[in-house]
């Protein structure tokens, strides 16, 4: 059970990182400039990692 809760917490943390990065990119560059690559770069993860999470 502890492992499951930990994974859920990690997923929630990743969601928040992605959402916060997305909002910042939209505010700074506009919605049309938002991309998975920019989000990944902003949170220092690979785009593949974001898709898998």
C-alpha atoms as a PDB file:
ATOM      1  CA  UNK A   1       0.000   0.000   0.000  1.00  0.00           C
ATOM      2  CA  UNK A   2       2.813   2.409   0.792  1.00  0.00           C
ATOM      3  CA  UNK A   3       4.253   1.956  -2.702  1.00  0.00           C
ATOM      4  CA  UNK A   4       0.921   2.736  -4.338  1.00  0.00           C
ATOM      5  CA  UNK A   5       0.454   5.905  -2.288  1.00  0.00           C
ATOM      6  CA  UNK A   6       3.993   7.010  -3.125  1.00  0.00           C
ATOM      7  CA  UNK A   7       3.384   6.511  -6.870  1.00  0.00           C
ATOM      8  CA  UNK A   8       0.150   8.498  -6.611  1.00  0.00           C
ATOM      9  CA  UNK A   9       2.002  11.324  -4.867  1.00  0.00           C
ATOM     10  CA  UNK A  10       4.702  11.313  -7.561  1.00  0.00           C
ATOM     11  CA  UNK A  11       2.063  11.441 -10.314  1.00  0.00           C
ATOM     12  CA  UNK A  12       0.329  14.351  -8.613  1.00  0.00           C
ATOM     13  CA  UNK A  13       3.642  16.187  -8.275  1.00  0.00           C
ATOM     14  CA  UNK A  14       4.335  15.635 -11.990  1.00  0.00           C
ATOM     15  CA  UNK A  15       0.856  16.916 -12.927  1.00  0.00           C
ATOM     16  CA  UNK A  16       1.459  20.087 -10.945  1.00  0.00           C
ATOM     17  CA  UNK A  17       4.872  20.611 -12.544  1.00  0.00           C
ATOM     18  CA  UNK A  18       3.380  20.180 -16.019  1.00  0.00           C
ATOM     19  CA  UNK A  19       0.446  22.497 -15.344  1.00  0.00           C
ATOM     20  CA  UNK A  20       2.602  25.201 -13.774  1.00  0.00           C
ATOM     21  CA  UNK A  21       5.102  25.067 -16.627  1.00  0.00           C
ATOM     22  CA  UNK A  22       2.275  25.169 -19.175  1.00  0.00           C
ATOM     23  CA  UNK A  23       0.708  28.243 -17.619  1.00  0.00           C
ATOM     24  CA  UNK A  24       4.055  30.046 -17.492  1.00  0.00           C
ATOM     25  CA  UNK A  25       4.790  29.274 -21.146  1.00  0.00           C
ATOM     26  CA  UNK A  26       1.329  30.425 -22.220  1.00  0.00           C
ATOM     27  CA  UNK A  27       1.660  33.666 -20.263  1.00  0.00           C
ATOM     28  CA  UNK A  28       5.169  34.348 -21.560  1.00  0.00           C
ATOM     29  CA  UNK A  29       4.873  33.179 -25.171  1.00  0.00           C
ATOM     30  CA  UNK A  30       1.203  32.585 -25.948  1.00  0.00           C
ATOM     31  CA  UNK A  31      -0.900  29.463 -26.351  1.00  0.00           C
ATOM     32  CA  UNK A  32       0.217  28.861 -29.937  1.00  0.00           C
ATOM     33  CA  UNK A  33       3.831  28.444 -28.746  1.00  0.00           C
ATOM     34  CA  UNK A  34       3.032  25.759 -26.155  1.00  0.00           C
ATOM     35  CA  UNK A  35       4.557  22.356 -26.901  1.00  0.00           C
ATOM     36  CA  UNK A  36       5.441  19.181 -25.064  1.00  0.00           C
ATOM     37  CA  UNK A  37       9.113  19.862 -25.787  1.00  0.00           C
ATOM     38  CA  UNK A  38       8.933  23.305 -24.143  1.00  0.00           C
ATOM     39  CA  UNK A  39       7.116  21.896 -21.138  1.00  0.00           C
ATOM     40  CA  UNK A  40       9.689  19.114 -20.824  1.00  0.00           C
ATOM     41  CA  UNK A  41      12.573  21.563 -21.082  1.00  0.00           C
ATOM     42  CA  UNK A  42      11.011  23.832 -18.484  1.00  0.00           C
ATOM     43  CA  UNK A  43      10.598  21.057 -15.901  1.00  0.00           C
ATOM     44  CA  UNK A  44      13.881  19.381 -16.875  1.00  0.00           C
ATOM     45  CA  UNK A  45      12.369  16.064 -17.946  1.00  0.00           C
ATOM     46  CA  UNK A  46      12.324  14.401 -21.332  1.00  0.00           C
ATOM     47  CA  UNK A  47       9.136  14.665 -23.371  1.00  0.00           C
ATOM     48  CA  UNK A  48       8.944  10.866 -23.303  1.00  0.00           C
ATOM     49  CA  UNK A  49       8.853  10.898 -19.511  1.00  0.00           C
ATOM     50  CA  UNK A  50       5.922  13.302 -19.574  1.00  0.00           C
ATOM     51  CA  UNK A  51       3.968  11.049 -21.919  1.00  0.00           C
ATOM     52  CA  UNK A  52       4.634   8.028 -19.713  1.00  0.00           C
ATOM     53  CA  UNK A  53       3.549   9.774 -16.528  1.00  0.00           C
END
